[in-house]
Protein backbone atom coordinates (compact mmCIF):
# COMPACT_ATOMS: atom_id res chain seq x y z
CA UNK A 1 28.41 99.50 166.25
CA UNK A 2 26.22 96.93 164.45
CA UNK A 3 27.51 96.27 160.93
CA UNK A 4 25.15 94.40 158.58
CA UNK A 5 26.74 93.02 155.40
CA UNK A 6 24.90 91.66 152.36
CA UNK A 7 27.35 89.48 150.43
CA UNK A 8 26.29 86.40 148.51
CA UNK A 9 29.62 84.51 148.33
CA UNK A 10 30.85 84.32 151.94
CA UNK A 11 33.59 81.74 152.48
CA UNK A 12 36.24 80.92 155.08
CA UNK A 13 39.69 79.45 154.51
CA UNK A 14 38.16 75.98 154.58
CA UNK A 15 36.36 76.81 151.35
CA UNK A 16 37.61 77.40 147.83
CA UNK A 17 36.81 81.05 147.25
CA UNK A 18 37.98 84.50 148.28
CA UNK A 19 37.83 85.20 152.00
CA UNK A 20 37.69 89.01 152.05
CA UNK A 21 34.63 89.37 154.27
CA UNK A 22 35.58 86.45 156.49
CA UNK A 23 38.94 88.15 157.13
CA UNK A 24 37.43 91.62 157.50
CA UNK A 25 34.60 90.56 159.79
CA UNK A 26 36.80 88.78 162.33
CA UNK A 27 39.02 91.87 162.56
CA UNK A 28 36.00 94.15 162.96
CA UNK A 29 34.74 91.89 165.75
CA UNK A 30 38.17 92.06 167.42
CA UNK A 31 37.86 95.86 167.25
CA UNK A 32 34.67 95.64 169.34
CA UNK A 33 31.92 95.76 166.72
CA UNK A 34 28.99 93.42 166.08
CA UNK A 35 29.02 92.00 162.54
CA UNK A 36 26.24 90.13 160.74
CA UNK A 37 26.77 88.80 157.21
CA UNK A 38 23.80 87.68 155.11
CA UNK A 39 24.98 85.21 152.48
CA UNK A 40 23.78 82.24 150.41
CA UNK A 41 25.18 78.80 149.58
CA UNK A 42 27.95 79.04 146.98
CA UNK A 43 29.36 75.76 145.69
CA UNK A 44 32.89 77.01 146.41
CA UNK A 45 32.08 77.96 149.99
CA UNK A 46 32.38 75.81 153.09
CA UNK A 47 29.03 76.91 154.56
CA UNK A 48 26.71 73.93 155.07
CA UNK A 49 23.01 74.77 155.52
CA UNK A 50 20.80 73.04 158.06
CA UNK A 51 17.55 74.65 156.90
CA UNK A 52 16.30 77.46 154.70
CA UNK A 53 17.87 79.97 157.10
CA UNK A 54 21.04 78.80 158.89
CA UNK A 55 22.59 80.93 161.61
CA UNK A 56 26.27 80.40 162.44
CA UNK A 57 28.89 82.10 164.56
CA UNK A 58 32.22 82.25 162.75
CA UNK A 59 34.98 83.72 164.92
CA UNK A 60 32.54 86.15 166.50
CA UNK A 61 30.70 87.17 163.32
CA UNK A 62 27.03 86.24 162.91
CA UNK A 63 26.53 84.46 159.58
CA UNK A 64 23.00 84.14 158.19
CA UNK A 65 23.07 81.70 155.28
CA UNK A 66 20.02 81.58 153.00
CA UNK A 67 19.73 78.11 151.45
CA UNK A 68 19.78 79.29 147.86
CA UNK A 69 22.44 77.36 145.96
CA UNK A 70 24.66 79.06 143.40
CA UNK A 71 27.36 77.90 141.02
CA UNK A 72 29.44 79.47 138.25
CA UNK A 73 28.53 76.40 136.22
CA UNK A 74 24.87 77.45 136.17
CA UNK A 75 23.47 79.15 133.09
CA UNK A 76 22.68 82.86 132.93
CA UNK A 77 18.94 82.66 133.67
CA UNK A 78 19.35 80.21 136.53
CA UNK A 79 21.98 82.43 138.11
CA UNK A 80 19.76 85.46 137.66
CA UNK A 81 16.92 83.63 139.41
CA UNK A 82 19.14 82.75 142.39
CA UNK A 83 20.35 86.36 142.59
CA UNK A 84 16.79 87.67 142.72
CA UNK A 85 15.70 85.03 145.25
CA UNK A 86 18.57 86.05 147.53
CA UNK A 87 17.74 89.74 147.08
CA UNK A 88 14.12 89.13 148.11
CA UNK A 89 14.95 87.23 151.31
CA UNK A 90 17.84 89.58 152.12
CA UNK A 91 15.47 92.56 151.80
CA UNK A 92 13.27 91.02 154.50
CA UNK A 93 16.35 90.56 156.71
CA UNK A 94 17.26 94.22 156.07
CA UNK A 95 14.29 95.10 158.30
CA UNK A 96 14.69 92.28 160.78
CA UNK A 97 18.40 92.45 161.67
CA UNK A 98 19.79 95.27 163.84
CA UNK A 99 22.21 97.58 162.08
CA UNK A 100 23.82 100.96 162.49
CA UNK A 101 25.31 100.75 159.00
CA UNK A 102 24.85 98.42 156.04
CA UNK A 103 27.40 97.15 153.50
CA UNK A 104 26.06 95.87 150.18
CA UNK A 105 28.82 94.01 148.36
CA UNK A 106 28.39 93.23 144.67
CA UNK A 107 28.52 91.25 142.44
CA UNK A 108 25.95 90.31 141.77
CA UNK A 109 24.43 93.72 141.21
CA UNK A 110 21.12 92.46 142.62
CA UNK A 111 22.64 92.86 146.11
CA UNK A 112 21.81 96.53 145.58
CA UNK A 113 18.14 95.63 146.18
CA UNK A 114 18.52 94.88 149.92
CA UNK A 115 20.93 97.81 150.01
CA UNK A 116 18.27 100.16 148.67
CA UNK A 117 15.64 98.67 150.99
CA UNK A 118 18.01 99.31 153.91
CA UNK A 119 18.38 102.94 152.89
CA UNK A 120 14.93 103.86 151.62
CA UNK A 121 12.70 101.88 153.97
CA UNK A 122 14.82 100.95 157.00
CA UNK A 123 16.46 104.41 157.01
CA UNK A 124 20.02 103.14 157.46
CA UNK A 125 23.24 104.48 155.92
CA UNK A 126 24.68 102.20 153.24
CA UNK A 127 28.18 101.62 151.89
CA UNK A 128 28.23 100.04 148.42
CA UNK A 129 31.20 97.78 147.73
CA UNK A 130 31.78 97.26 144.01
CA UNK A 131 33.66 94.02 143.38
CA UNK A 132 32.87 94.00 139.65
CA UNK A 133 31.98 97.02 137.52
CA UNK A 134 28.41 95.99 136.87
CA UNK A 135 26.53 96.13 134.61
CA UNK A 136 29.41 97.25 132.36
CA UNK A 137 31.20 93.89 132.57
CA UNK A 138 28.06 91.90 131.81
CA UNK A 139 27.28 94.17 128.85
CA UNK A 140 30.82 93.88 127.44
CA UNK A 141 30.60 90.10 127.76
CA UNK A 142 27.27 90.05 125.93
CA UNK A 143 25.27 88.83 128.94
CA UNK A 144 23.04 91.90 129.16
CA UNK A 145 21.50 93.96 126.36
CA UNK A 146 18.42 96.01 125.68
CA UNK A 147 15.94 96.30 128.53
CA UNK A 148 17.99 94.12 130.89
CA UNK A 149 20.99 96.41 130.49
CA UNK A 150 18.84 99.49 131.05
CA UNK A 151 17.32 98.01 134.22
CA UNK A 152 20.77 97.09 135.53
CA UNK A 153 22.10 100.60 134.87
CA UNK A 154 19.10 102.10 136.70
CA UNK A 155 19.70 99.82 139.69
CA UNK A 156 23.40 100.70 139.84
CA UNK A 157 22.69 104.43 139.48
CA UNK A 158 20.15 104.34 142.31
CA UNK A 159 22.66 102.56 144.54
CA UNK A 160 25.41 105.06 143.78
CA UNK A 161 23.09 107.96 144.63
CA UNK A 162 21.93 106.46 147.92
CA UNK A 163 25.29 105.28 149.22
CA UNK A 164 27.10 107.12 151.96
CA UNK A 165 30.30 105.83 150.38
CA UNK A 166 31.39 103.55 147.53
CA UNK A 167 34.29 101.11 147.87
CA UNK A 168 36.03 100.13 144.63
CA UNK A 169 38.51 97.27 144.43
CA UNK A 170 40.92 99.01 142.05
CA UNK A 171 41.81 102.52 140.86
CA UNK A 172 40.58 101.70 137.35
CA UNK A 173 37.29 100.53 138.82
CA UNK A 174 36.98 103.80 140.74
CA UNK A 175 37.41 105.76 137.50
CA UNK A 176 34.70 103.71 135.79
CA UNK A 177 32.34 104.28 138.72
CA UNK A 178 32.91 108.04 138.70
CA UNK A 179 32.32 108.07 134.96
CA UNK A 180 28.77 106.84 135.66
CA UNK A 181 28.35 108.62 139.01
CA UNK A 182 30.58 111.72 139.23
CA UNK A 183 29.02 112.62 142.58
CA UNK A 184 29.91 109.32 144.26
CA UNK A 185 32.50 109.38 147.03
CA UNK A 186 34.76 106.47 146.06
CA UNK A 187 37.58 104.91 148.08
CA UNK A 188 39.84 102.21 146.62
CA UNK A 189 40.35 99.18 148.88
CA UNK A 190 41.62 96.29 146.72
CA UNK A 191 41.52 92.65 147.60
CA UNK A 192 44.30 91.71 149.98
CA UNK A 193 46.93 89.07 150.59
CA UNK A 194 46.75 86.42 153.30
CA UNK A 195 50.32 86.94 154.43
CA UNK A 196 50.23 84.27 157.13
CA UNK A 197 48.67 81.57 154.93
CA UNK A 198 50.59 82.19 151.70
CA UNK A 199 54.31 82.37 152.46
CA UNK A 200 57.37 81.78 150.27
CA UNK A 201 58.79 79.45 152.93
CA UNK A 202 55.73 77.17 153.12
CA UNK A 203 56.57 73.48 153.10
CA UNK A 204 55.34 71.49 150.11
CA UNK A 205 53.30 68.51 151.35
CA UNK A 206 54.57 65.10 150.34
CA UNK A 207 51.50 64.26 148.25
CA UNK A 208 52.02 67.39 146.15
CA UNK A 209 55.76 66.74 145.80
CA UNK A 210 55.00 63.26 144.50
CA UNK A 211 52.51 64.62 141.98
CA UNK A 212 54.85 67.34 140.78
CA UNK A 213 57.82 64.95 140.54
CA UNK A 214 60.45 67.67 140.39
CA UNK A 215 58.99 69.46 137.39
CA UNK A 216 58.98 73.23 136.87
CA UNK A 217 55.42 74.13 137.92
CA UNK A 218 53.28 76.87 136.36
CA UNK A 219 50.14 77.35 138.48
CA UNK A 220 46.76 78.79 137.55
CA UNK A 221 44.43 78.97 140.56
CA UNK A 222 41.09 80.61 139.89
CA UNK A 223 37.70 80.41 138.25
CA UNK A 224 37.39 78.83 134.81
CA UNK A 225 34.55 80.86 133.36
CA UNK A 226 33.76 83.19 130.49
CA UNK A 227 35.72 86.05 132.02
CA UNK A 228 38.94 84.09 132.41
CA UNK A 229 39.68 82.91 128.86
CA UNK A 230 40.99 79.46 129.72
CA UNK A 231 41.96 79.01 126.08
CA UNK A 232 45.11 80.91 126.98
CA UNK A 233 46.12 78.11 129.36
CA UNK A 234 45.55 75.40 126.76
CA UNK A 235 47.46 77.34 124.11
CA UNK A 236 50.40 77.89 126.47
CA UNK A 237 50.51 74.18 127.29
CA UNK A 238 50.44 73.32 123.58
CA UNK A 239 53.22 75.78 122.79
CA UNK A 240 55.45 74.48 125.57
CA UNK A 241 54.88 70.91 124.42
CA UNK A 242 55.63 71.89 120.83
CA UNK A 243 58.97 73.28 122.02
CA UNK A 244 59.79 70.06 123.82
CA UNK A 245 59.78 71.57 127.33
CA UNK A 246 59.00 68.25 128.99
CA UNK A 247 60.17 69.43 132.41
CA UNK A 248 57.42 72.06 132.64
CA UNK A 249 53.97 71.20 133.97
CA UNK A 250 50.89 73.41 134.22
CA UNK A 251 48.54 72.71 137.13
CA UNK A 252 45.08 74.27 137.10
CA UNK A 253 43.06 74.69 140.29
CA UNK A 254 39.43 75.71 140.00
CA UNK A 255 36.10 74.98 138.39
CA UNK A 256 33.61 76.89 136.29
CA UNK A 257 31.45 76.68 133.22
CA UNK A 258 34.49 76.34 130.93
CA UNK A 259 36.14 73.42 132.75
CA UNK A 260 34.59 70.57 130.71
CA UNK A 261 35.44 72.31 127.44
CA UNK A 262 39.03 72.94 128.52
CA UNK A 263 39.46 69.32 129.57
CA UNK A 264 38.13 68.22 126.18
CA UNK A 265 40.54 70.57 124.43
CA UNK A 266 43.47 69.15 126.41
CA UNK A 267 42.47 65.62 125.45
CA UNK A 268 41.86 66.56 121.82
CA UNK A 269 45.38 68.03 121.56
CA UNK A 270 46.84 65.10 123.48
CA UNK A 271 48.55 67.41 125.97
CA UNK A 272 50.45 65.62 128.73
CA UNK A 273 51.81 68.72 130.48
CA UNK A 274 48.60 70.11 131.97
CA UNK A 275 46.53 68.76 134.86
CA UNK A 276 43.18 69.98 136.14
CA UNK A 277 42.93 69.59 139.92
CA UNK A 278 39.37 70.84 140.45
CA UNK A 279 38.44 72.73 143.61
CA UNK A 280 40.88 72.92 146.49
CA UNK A 281 40.53 74.60 149.87
CA UNK A 282 42.36 77.85 150.51
CA UNK A 283 44.91 75.95 152.61
CA UNK A 284 45.56 73.51 149.74
CA UNK A 285 45.88 76.38 147.28
CA UNK A 286 48.59 77.86 149.51
CA UNK A 287 50.46 74.53 149.41
CA UNK A 288 50.27 74.44 145.61
CA UNK A 289 51.69 77.96 145.47
CA UNK A 290 54.62 76.70 147.53
CA UNK A 291 55.21 74.03 144.87
CA UNK A 292 54.92 76.49 141.97
CA UNK A 293 57.80 78.30 140.30
CA UNK A 294 55.50 80.97 138.91
CA UNK A 295 51.80 81.69 138.43
CA UNK A 296 49.71 82.49 135.39
CA UNK A 297 46.85 85.01 135.36
CA UNK A 298 44.62 85.33 132.34
CA UNK A 299 41.47 87.34 131.58
CA UNK A 300 39.47 88.04 128.46
CA UNK A 301 40.74 91.26 126.81
CA UNK A 302 37.99 93.56 128.11
CA UNK A 303 38.72 96.84 129.93
CA UNK A 304 36.16 96.19 132.68
CA UNK A 305 37.74 92.80 133.44
CA UNK A 306 41.21 94.33 133.48
CA UNK A 307 39.85 96.79 136.07
CA UNK A 308 39.11 93.90 138.43
CA UNK A 309 40.91 92.77 141.57
CA UNK A 310 41.26 88.97 141.28
CA UNK A 311 42.11 87.04 144.43
CA UNK A 312 44.66 84.92 142.57
CA UNK A 313 46.80 88.02 142.02
CA UNK A 314 47.11 88.67 145.76
CA UNK A 315 47.66 85.01 146.61
CA UNK A 316 50.59 84.94 144.20
CA UNK A 317 52.07 88.11 145.65
CA UNK A 318 51.86 86.75 149.20
CA UNK A 319 53.40 83.45 148.09
CA UNK A 320 56.31 85.33 146.54
CA UNK A 321 55.86 83.99 143.03
CA UNK A 322 56.50 85.81 139.72
CA UNK A 323 53.32 86.36 137.72
CA UNK A 324 52.90 86.03 133.97
CA UNK A 325 49.64 87.70 132.93
CA UNK A 326 47.76 89.06 129.93
CA UNK A 327 46.14 92.09 131.59
CA UNK A 328 46.46 95.80 131.00
CA UNK A 329 45.47 98.75 133.14
CA UNK A 330 46.21 98.94 136.85
CA UNK A 331 47.40 95.35 137.31
CA UNK A 332 49.93 95.67 134.51
CA UNK A 333 51.21 98.95 135.97
CA UNK A 334 51.37 97.53 139.50
CA UNK A 335 53.34 94.41 138.57
CA UNK A 336 55.60 96.20 136.12
CA UNK A 337 56.48 98.99 138.56
CA UNK A 338 57.20 96.46 141.32
CA UNK A 339 59.25 94.25 139.00
CA UNK A 340 57.41 91.06 139.92
CA UNK A 341 55.27 90.37 136.86
CA UNK A 342 55.52 90.03 133.10
CA UNK A 343 52.71 91.14 130.77
CA UNK A 344 52.08 89.30 127.51
CA UNK A 345 49.64 90.25 124.74
CA UNK A 346 46.35 88.34 124.79
CA UNK A 347 46.33 85.14 122.70
CA UNK A 348 50.12 85.15 122.22
CA UNK A 349 51.08 81.78 123.62
CA UNK A 350 54.46 82.05 121.92
CA UNK A 351 55.33 85.16 123.95
CA UNK A 352 54.02 83.62 127.18
CA UNK A 353 56.10 80.49 126.52
CA UNK A 354 59.20 82.66 125.94
CA UNK A 355 58.81 84.15 129.41
CA UNK A 356 58.12 80.80 131.08
CA UNK A 357 61.28 79.35 129.55
CA UNK A 358 63.31 82.43 130.46
CA UNK A 359 62.24 82.23 134.10
CA UNK A 360 62.90 78.49 134.16
CA UNK A 361 66.43 79.13 132.97
CA UNK A 362 67.00 82.16 135.24
CA UNK A 363 66.63 81.02 138.86
CA UNK A 364 68.25 84.18 140.23
CA UNK A 365 65.86 86.45 138.33
CA UNK A 366 62.94 84.26 139.38
CA UNK A 367 63.96 84.48 143.03
CA UNK A 368 64.38 88.25 142.88
CA UNK A 369 60.97 88.71 141.24
CA UNK A 370 59.41 86.52 143.93
CA UNK A 371 61.03 88.54 146.68
CA UNK A 372 59.69 91.75 145.16
CA UNK A 373 56.22 90.18 144.93
CA UNK A 374 56.21 89.33 148.63
CA UNK A 375 57.52 92.77 149.56
CA UNK A 376 54.72 94.39 147.54
CA UNK A 377 52.12 92.29 149.34
CA UNK A 378 53.53 93.18 152.74
CA UNK A 379 53.74 96.91 151.95
CA UNK A 380 50.37 97.49 150.35
CA UNK A 381 48.04 94.50 150.54
CA UNK A 382 47.86 93.12 154.07
CA UNK A 383 44.46 92.12 155.47
CA UNK A 384 45.08 94.24 158.56
CA UNK A 385 45.63 97.40 156.52
CA UNK A 386 42.56 96.95 154.35
CA UNK A 387 40.23 95.81 157.13
CA UNK A 388 41.20 98.89 159.14
CA UNK A 389 40.69 101.24 156.17
CA UNK A 390 37.25 99.78 155.49
CA UNK A 391 36.28 100.06 159.14
CA UNK A 392 37.36 103.71 159.14
CA UNK A 393 34.84 104.37 156.36
CA UNK A 394 32.06 102.63 158.28
CA UNK A 395 32.73 104.63 161.45
CA UNK A 396 32.95 108.08 159.83
């Protein structure tokens, strides 16, 4: 079977972004299928273009990279332009590339355009993978309104109607999709854990050990954008410093539009207990998890964001680290039921600091929570399980 995937953020482990379709595609190839992924050039990816269209073979998968550069640091209109440019070129490739079935993976929602072209004009069955509940998230965040919101809703509705199947990355996301499209056949396949890369027993490289210097490490590894509410990280650092917890250090991996502002806030408050490390490869992120005592996950208090499936959650589970987070919905239920995470109310740095200090002073509890985190990842979030479930949908 020829599987054609439209996904704008393709990345391998040598990059600094989620590797879902890299991991899935190599397993689909191993199962005997031909896989082609049409992507673009994301600043967190490791794909290096050699022309406007670059063709690569990555572990058996055919990667077609369109030299359209994207970054979370770009403004709204520039990002929208790159999304539409990709959609236009990808729509041409929807005719040109052989395919028995097409996967359109959003965000951005504009990936629905080559998906619709594949269905309406190329007469191919399409599976729509919803990675963010768009346009609902963009509307809640104030990025879309008026005619732009109406156009986005029309695009999403058309894609739901035309799709053979819809893949949602969380149960809450599936409910939101069926609220808009009750007729859609939706299957939940969350992001997954890289169980071989992120392991509790990973050795901490010497250069990281020297930087940590024996401190109790709280790690945030993810995007620093509007959706993530990095203020929570700054406020936690300030609260821990106010309490005199000099042995605790917060390390932040990632970039995004909010990074310069957060660095300025750190400097303005004179905080010495927080370091911004910038982008790191997936392998380096795994090493930092090995050095961490616990991880921190923060999102803006919006229901559509809480419905998401952030990669940093699954990395932490695989690494066997307790998670302090400010989410509600399915993630809160998952971590609470498994006994490996602690939920705090949004913008309550005092409560978050209480839990950090408690886990610092309770090594046995911390170890037990970490063990439960790893067990949860192994039971429900392995790449093999999710790649196989997705492939089953494509071969129905």
